[in-house]
C-alpha atoms as a PDB file:
ATOM      1  CA  MET A   1      13.275  -6.233   8.039  1.00  0.00           C
ATOM      2  CA  LYS A   2      12.142  -3.614  10.472  1.00  0.00           C
ATOM      3  CA  ASN A   3       8.506  -3.009   9.580  1.00  0.00           C
ATOM      4  CA  LEU A   4       6.831  -6.413   9.856  1.00  0.00           C
ATOM      5  CA  THR A   5       4.393  -5.205  12.528  1.00  0.00           C
ATOM      6  CA  ALA A   6       3.440  -2.184  10.402  1.00  0.00           C
ATOM      7  CA  PHE A   7       3.119  -4.466   7.360  1.00  0.00           C
ATOM      8  CA  LYS A   8       0.603  -6.674   9.183  1.00  0.00           C
ATOM      9  CA  ALA A   9      -1.287  -3.623  10.473  1.00  0.00           C
ATOM     10  CA  LEU A  10      -1.510  -2.227   6.949  1.00  0.00           C
ATOM     11  CA  ILE A  11      -3.073  -5.467   5.712  1.00  0.00           C
ATOM     12  CA  VAL A  12      -5.770  -5.133   8.377  1.00  0.00           C
ATOM     13  CA  LEU A  13      -6.295  -1.478   7.478  1.00  0.00           C
ATOM     14  CA  TYR A  14      -6.604  -2.193   3.744  1.00  0.00           C
ATOM     15  CA  LYS A  15      -9.152  -4.931   4.427  1.00  0.00           C
ATOM     16  CA  SER A  16     -11.212  -2.744   6.750  1.00  0.00           C
ATOM     17  CA  ILE A  17     -11.711   0.242   4.438  1.00  0.00           C
ATOM     18  CA  THR A  18     -15.346   0.690   3.450  1.00  0.00           C
ATOM     19  CA  LEU A  19     -17.036   2.621   0.678  1.00  0.00           C
ATOM     20  CA  LYS A  20     -18.255   5.002   3.372  1.00  0.00           C
ATOM     21  CA  ASP A  21     -14.632   5.673   4.402  1.00  0.00           C
ATOM     22  CA  ILE A  22     -13.696   6.298   0.792  1.00  0.00           C
ATOM     23  CA  ASP A  23     -16.669   8.595   0.226  1.00  0.00           C
ATOM     24  CA  LYS A  24     -15.856  10.655   3.303  1.00  0.00           C
ATOM     25  CA  SER A  25     -12.232  11.088   2.207  1.00  0.00           C
ATOM     26  CA  ALA A  26     -13.280  11.852  -1.373  1.00  0.00           C
ATOM     27  CA  GLU A  27     -15.130  14.919  -0.106  1.00  0.00           C
ATOM     28  CA  LYS A  28     -11.704  16.415   0.688  1.00  0.00           C
ATOM     29  CA  PHE A  29      -9.730  14.742  -2.103  1.00  0.00           C
ATOM     30  CA  PRO A  30     -11.869  14.229  -5.223  1.00  0.00           C
ATOM     31  CA  PHE A  31     -10.787  11.498  -7.609  1.00  0.00           C
ATOM     32  CA  THR A  32     -10.367  14.107 -10.356  1.00  0.00           C
ATOM     33  CA  THR A  33      -7.281  15.708  -8.786  1.00  0.00           C
ATOM     34  CA  ASN A  34      -3.822  14.649  -9.847  1.00  0.00           C
ATOM     35  CA  THR A  35      -1.900  15.485  -6.692  1.00  0.00           C
ATOM     36  CA  SER A  36      -0.210  13.541  -3.939  1.00  0.00           C
ATOM     37  CA  GLU A  37      -3.228  14.364  -1.764  1.00  0.00           C
ATOM     38  CA  THR A  38      -5.452  11.448  -2.684  1.00  0.00           C
ATOM     39  CA  VAL A  39      -8.102   9.369  -0.997  1.00  0.00           C
ATOM     40  CA  ALA A  40      -5.624   6.486  -0.682  1.00  0.00           C
ATOM     41  CA  ASN A  41      -3.034   8.741   0.917  1.00  0.00           C
ATOM     42  CA  ASP A  42      -5.601  10.254   3.258  1.00  0.00           C
ATOM     43  CA  LEU A  43      -6.874   6.845   4.412  1.00  0.00           C
ATOM     44  CA  THR A  44      -3.610   4.920   4.657  1.00  0.00           C
ATOM     45  CA  GLY A  45      -0.614   7.153   3.971  1.00  0.00           C
ATOM     46  CA  PHE A  46      -0.289   5.391   0.601  1.00  0.00           C
ATOM     47  CA  GLY A  47       2.139   6.682  -1.991  1.00  0.00           C
ATOM     48  CA  SER A  48       4.438   8.846   0.084  1.00  0.00           C
ATOM     49  CA  HIS A  49       7.636   7.864   1.837  1.00  0.00           C
ATOM     50  CA  ILE A  50       6.765  10.474   4.458  1.00  0.00           C
ATOM     51  CA  SER A  51       3.226   9.317   5.248  1.00  0.00           C
ATOM     52  CA  CYS A  52       3.275   5.559   4.548  1.00  0.00           C
ATOM     53  CA  ILE A  53       3.287   3.547   7.771  1.00  0.00           C
ATOM     54  CA  LEU A  54       5.723   1.077   6.203  1.00  0.00           C
ATOM     55  CA  CYS A  55       8.188   3.745   5.124  1.00  0.00           C
ATOM     56  CA  ARG A  56       8.307   6.017   8.155  1.00  0.00           C
ATOM     57  CA  GLY A  57      11.575   5.708   9.982  1.00  0.00           C
ATOM     58  CA  ILE A  58      13.165   3.001   7.830  1.00  0.00           C
ATOM     59  CA  ASP A  59      15.104   2.681   4.603  1.00  0.00           C
ATOM     60  CA  CYS A  60      13.725   0.643   1.705  1.00  0.00           C
ATOM     61  CA  LYS A  61      16.473  -1.932   2.251  1.00  0.00           C
ATOM     62  CA  ASP A  62      14.932  -2.728   5.650  1.00  0.00           C
ATOM     63  CA  CYS A  63      11.377  -3.157   4.344  1.00  0.00           C
ATOM     64  CA  VAL A  64       9.376  -6.382   4.267  1.00  0.00           C
ATOM     65  CA  TYR A  65       9.141  -6.046   0.484  1.00  0.00           C
ATOM     66  CA  ASN A  66      12.929  -6.510   0.343  1.00  0.00           C
ATOM     67  CA  SER A  67      12.928  -9.517   2.665  1.00  0.00           C
ATOM     68  CA  ILE A  68      10.905 -11.882   0.507  1.00  0.00           C
ATOM     69  CA  ASN A  69      12.904 -14.997  -0.371  1.00  0.00           C
ATOM     70  CA  ASN A  70      15.857 -13.527   1.540  1.00  0.00           C
ATOM     71  CA  ASP A  71      16.592 -11.240  -1.395  1.00  0.00           C
ATOM     72  CA  LYS A  72      19.400  -8.775  -0.993  1.00  0.00           C
ATOM     73  CA  PHE A  73      18.252  -5.198  -1.436  1.00  0.00           C
ATOM     74  CA  LYS A  74      17.602  -4.472  -5.082  1.00  0.00           C
ATOM     75  CA  LEU A  75      15.780  -1.503  -6.508  1.00  0.00           C
ATOM     76  CA  ASP A  76      13.341  -3.851  -8.274  1.00  0.00           C
ATOM     77  CA  ASN A  77      12.194  -5.407  -4.988  1.00  0.00           C
ATOM     78  CA  MET A  78      10.539  -2.207  -3.849  1.00  0.00           C
ATOM     79  CA  CYS A  79       6.829  -1.938  -2.979  1.00  0.00           C
ATOM     80  CA  TYR A  80       5.915  -0.589  -6.410  1.00  0.00           C
ATOM     81  CA  ARG A  81       8.026  -2.836  -8.632  1.00  0.00           C
ATOM     82  CA  ARG A  82       8.119  -6.441  -9.853  1.00  0.00           C
ATOM     83  CA  ASP A  83       5.390  -8.616  -8.331  1.00  0.00           C
ATOM     84  CA  ASN A  84       4.200  -5.666  -6.240  1.00  0.00           C
ATOM     85  CA  ARG A  85       3.595  -3.396  -9.225  1.00  0.00           C
ATOM     86  CA  SER A  86       0.070  -4.342 -10.252  1.00  0.00           C
ATOM     87  CA  THR A  87      -1.474  -3.957  -6.798  1.00  0.00           C
ATOM     88  CA  TYR A  88       0.450  -0.749  -6.076  1.00  0.00           C
ATOM     89  CA  TYR A  89      -0.675   0.895  -9.286  1.00  0.00           C
ATOM     90  CA  GLY A  90      -4.148  -0.534  -8.833  1.00  0.00           C
ATOM     91  CA  ILE A  91      -4.471   1.718  -5.796  1.00  0.00           C
ATOM     92  CA  ASN A  92      -2.487   4.571  -7.278  1.00  0.00           C
ATOM     93  CA  ASN A  93      -4.548   4.729 -10.480  1.00  0.00           C
ATOM     94  CA  ALA A  94      -8.001   3.843  -9.130  1.00  0.00           C
ATOM     95  CA  PRO A  95     -10.481   6.114 -10.933  1.00  0.00           C
ATOM     96  CA  GLY A  96     -13.308   5.766  -8.428  1.00  0.00           C
ATOM     97  CA  ARG A  97     -14.558   4.489  -5.125  1.00  0.00           C
ATOM     98  CA  ILE A  98     -15.451   0.921  -6.070  1.00  0.00           C
ATOM     99  CA  THR A  99     -12.232   0.423  -7.997  1.00  0.00           C
ATOM    100  CA  LEU A 100     -10.236   1.792  -5.077  1.00  0.00           C
ATOM    101  CA  LYS A 101     -11.940  -0.490  -2.580  1.00  0.00           C
ATOM    102  CA  ARG A 102     -11.194  -3.500  -4.809  1.00  0.00           C
ATOM    103  CA  ALA A 103      -7.603  -2.304  -5.196  1.00  0.00           C
ATOM    104  CA  PHE A 104      -7.149  -2.098  -1.409  1.00  0.00           C
ATOM    105  CA  LYS A 105      -8.497  -5.642  -1.056  1.00  0.00           C
ATOM    106  CA  ALA A 106      -6.213  -6.905  -3.839  1.00  0.00           C
ATOM    107  CA  ARG A 107      -3.184  -5.268  -2.218  1.00  0.00           C
ATOM    108  CA  ALA A 108      -4.067  -6.822   1.145  1.00  0.00           C
ATOM    109  CA  LYS A 109      -4.376 -10.254  -0.471  1.00  0.00           C
ATOM    110  CA  HIS A 110      -1.017  -9.776  -2.219  1.00  0.00           C
ATOM    111  CA  MET A 111       0.601  -8.703   1.051  1.00  0.00           C
ATOM    112  CA  GLU A 112      -0.821 -11.767   2.808  1.00  0.00           C
ATOM    113  CA  SER A 113       0.758 -13.967   0.141  1.00  0.00           C
ATOM    114  CA  LEU A 114       4.093 -12.264   0.817  1.00  0.00           C
ATOM    115  CA  LEU A 115       3.755 -13.010   4.524  1.00  0.00           C
ATOM    116  CA  LYS A 116       3.375 -16.692   3.702  1.00  0.00           C
ATOM    117  CA  GLN A 117       6.646 -16.556   1.770  1.00  0.00           C
ATOM    118  CA  LEU A 118       8.385 -15.192   4.864  1.00  0.00           C
ATOM    119  CA  SER A 119       7.381 -18.209   6.945  1.00  0.00           C
END
C-alpha cells in the first residue's frame, strides 16, 4: 500500500468541502453536463486515474482499497467496487450541490471505517 498518506489527506479534503466550494466549481462545470469534467473532479480529482490523488503514480494493486483485510489484489477490491461502490457512485451520480456534499461526507466516513480495518 503506497498511498496511505494521500488516502488520509483525501478524507480531510472530502470533509472540508463546503456548499460554497461546490457552487464555485459548478460555475465552470454545471451538474447538467455528462463529461469527465465534473464538480467532483474539479474539487478533488475524483473519477480519473490521471487526476485522483490516490491513483497518481501507483497501480491499483498498491492502493489502500486493496489492502483492507490483507486482501490480495482482486479487481473487485477497487475503489468503485464491492463495499466501496455505493459511496463512489454517490459522488459520481450526485445530481446537485446538496447531494454531492452529502456524498463527499459519506465517502469520507466510509474511508475512515476502512482505516480502522487497517489497524
